[in-house]
Amino acid sequence: MVKPSLRTKSIGTKVTEEEYAELERIAQAGGKTLGEWCREVMLASVNGHPPKGQPSDGTEAKVLMAEIVALRTILLNVLFKQANGESLTAEQMQKLIERADADKLKKAVERLRSGSKSATG
């Protein structure tokens, strides 16, 4: 059985009364002590992901949407060519992939924005 690592180091910082109250409120809302919550937030920041139970900044959704948008672009172009009796060379396919990848993030962000506007509007 592997022994868990002991926490032997500490980090301290000064905050105002108002900041402390806000931090404590957020920690309690998550069912954690202030120390547990602070540790989780700091480690999540170092690891590049949101703390457990905290909303994401949307990066994952943007990346996933970008890949879906690129895949959709490629698929529709290939199906359109096939429907017209045309075939694609390896070079044409590579150009199609590069073109789809070139603006996939921009298109994904636009679609996510338009989707959130229609959901709130």
Protein backbone atom coordinates (compact mmCIF):
# COMPACT_ATOMS: atom_id res chain seq x y z
CA MET A 1 0.00 0.00 0.00
CA VAL A 2 1.36 3.43 -1.00
CA LYS A 3 1.53 6.07 1.69
CA PRO A 4 -0.03 9.39 0.74
CA SER A 5 2.36 12.35 0.61
CA LEU A 6 2.28 14.51 3.70
CA ARG A 7 1.68 18.21 3.29
CA THR A 8 4.57 19.83 5.11
CA LYS A 9 4.85 23.23 3.40
CA SER A 10 2.53 26.19 3.81
CA ILE A 11 1.79 29.36 1.86
CA GLY A 12 0.49 32.54 3.45
CA THR A 13 -0.93 35.82 2.18
CA LYS A 14 -2.61 38.88 3.62
CA VAL A 15 -6.12 39.93 2.62
CA THR A 16 -8.57 42.57 3.77
CA GLU A 17 -11.51 41.76 6.04
CA GLU A 18 -13.83 42.01 3.02
CA GLU A 19 -11.64 39.75 0.88
CA TYR A 20 -11.40 37.20 3.68
CA ALA A 21 -15.17 37.18 4.14
CA GLU A 22 -15.70 36.68 0.40
CA LEU A 23 -13.14 33.87 0.20
CA GLU A 24 -14.63 32.18 3.24
CA ARG A 25 -18.15 32.47 1.79
CA ILE A 26 -17.09 30.85 -1.47
CA ALA A 27 -15.25 28.05 0.33
CA GLN A 28 -18.23 27.33 2.58
CA ALA A 29 -20.58 27.34 -0.41
CA GLY A 30 -18.44 24.55 -1.84
CA GLY A 31 -18.50 22.64 1.43
CA LYS A 32 -14.80 23.19 2.08
CA THR A 33 -12.68 24.89 4.67
CA LEU A 34 -10.92 28.04 3.50
CA GLY A 35 -7.56 26.24 3.50
CA GLU A 36 -8.88 23.31 1.43
CA TRP A 37 -10.52 25.66 -1.05
CA CYS A 38 -7.39 27.84 -1.42
CA ARG A 39 -5.17 24.78 -1.96
CA GLU A 40 -7.54 23.42 -4.60
CA VAL A 41 -7.73 26.74 -6.44
CA MET A 42 -3.95 27.22 -6.43
CA LEU A 43 -3.20 23.69 -7.61
CA ALA A 44 -5.88 23.87 -10.30
CA SER A 45 -4.34 27.11 -11.53
CA VAL A 46 -0.91 25.50 -11.74
CA ASN A 47 -2.34 22.50 -13.59
CA GLY A 48 -4.26 24.70 -16.03
CA HIS A 49 -7.81 23.65 -15.26
CA PRO A 50 -10.64 25.08 -13.17
CA PRO A 51 -11.01 23.96 -9.56
CA LYS A 52 -13.47 21.14 -8.87
CA GLY A 53 -17.01 22.44 -8.87
CA GLN A 54 -16.01 25.74 -10.48
CA PRO A 55 -17.19 26.77 -13.94
CA SER A 56 -14.71 26.48 -16.78
CA ASP A 57 -13.58 29.48 -18.80
CA GLY A 58 -15.01 27.74 -21.87
CA THR A 59 -11.67 26.74 -23.37
CA GLU A 60 -12.65 23.08 -23.56
CA ALA A 61 -15.91 23.94 -25.30
CA LYS A 62 -14.10 26.20 -27.79
CA VAL A 63 -11.54 23.53 -28.65
CA LEU A 64 -14.18 20.84 -29.01
CA MET A 65 -16.41 23.10 -31.09
CA ALA A 66 -13.43 24.05 -33.29
CA GLU A 67 -12.76 20.40 -34.06
CA ILE A 68 -16.43 19.75 -34.80
CA VAL A 69 -16.58 22.79 -37.09
CA ALA A 70 -13.47 21.65 -38.98
CA LEU A 71 -14.76 18.10 -39.28
CA ARG A 72 -18.14 19.37 -40.51
CA THR A 73 -16.45 21.57 -43.11
CA ILE A 74 -14.35 18.69 -44.40
CA LEU A 75 -17.24 16.23 -44.40
CA LEU A 76 -19.62 18.55 -46.24
CA ASN A 77 -17.02 19.37 -48.87
CA VAL A 78 -16.16 15.70 -49.46
CA LEU A 79 -19.83 14.69 -49.63
CA PHE A 80 -20.61 17.55 -52.03
CA LYS A 81 -17.82 16.47 -54.38
CA GLN A 82 -18.91 12.83 -54.20
CA ALA A 83 -22.53 13.77 -54.87
CA ASN A 84 -21.37 15.52 -58.03
CA GLY A 85 -19.43 12.45 -59.16
CA GLU A 86 -16.04 13.98 -58.39
CA SER A 87 -13.21 12.41 -56.45
CA LEU A 88 -10.52 13.99 -54.32
CA THR A 89 -6.79 13.57 -54.72
CA ALA A 90 -4.59 13.35 -51.64
CA GLU A 91 -3.36 16.88 -52.37
CA GLN A 92 -6.91 18.26 -52.63
CA MET A 93 -7.84 16.54 -49.38
CA GLN A 94 -4.80 18.02 -47.63
CA LYS A 95 -5.73 21.52 -48.86
CA LEU A 96 -9.28 20.99 -47.66
CA ILE A 97 -8.02 19.97 -44.21
CA GLU A 98 -5.67 22.95 -44.03
CA ARG A 99 -8.45 25.34 -45.04
CA ALA A 100 -10.83 23.87 -42.46
CA ASP A 101 -8.17 24.07 -39.74
CA ALA A 102 -7.20 27.65 -40.63
CA ASP A 103 -10.39 29.27 -39.37
CA LYS A 104 -11.95 26.61 -37.19
CA LEU A 105 -11.40 28.44 -33.90
CA LYS A 106 -12.86 31.70 -35.22
CA LYS A 107 -15.93 29.88 -36.53
CA ALA A 108 -16.29 27.91 -33.30
CA VAL A 109 -16.25 31.06 -31.16
CA GLU A 110 -18.85 32.65 -33.46
CA ARG A 111 -21.12 29.61 -33.15
CA LEU A 112 -20.73 29.44 -29.39
CA ARG A 113 -21.58 33.14 -29.12
CA SER A 114 -24.59 32.86 -31.39
CA GLY A 115 -25.78 29.82 -29.44
CA SER A 116 -25.48 31.59 -26.09
CA LYS A 117 -27.29 34.66 -27.43
CA SER A 118 -30.23 32.60 -28.64
CA ALA A 119 -30.33 30.71 -25.33
CA THR A 120 -30.51 33.94 -23.32
CA GLY A 121 -32.58 35.95 -25.79
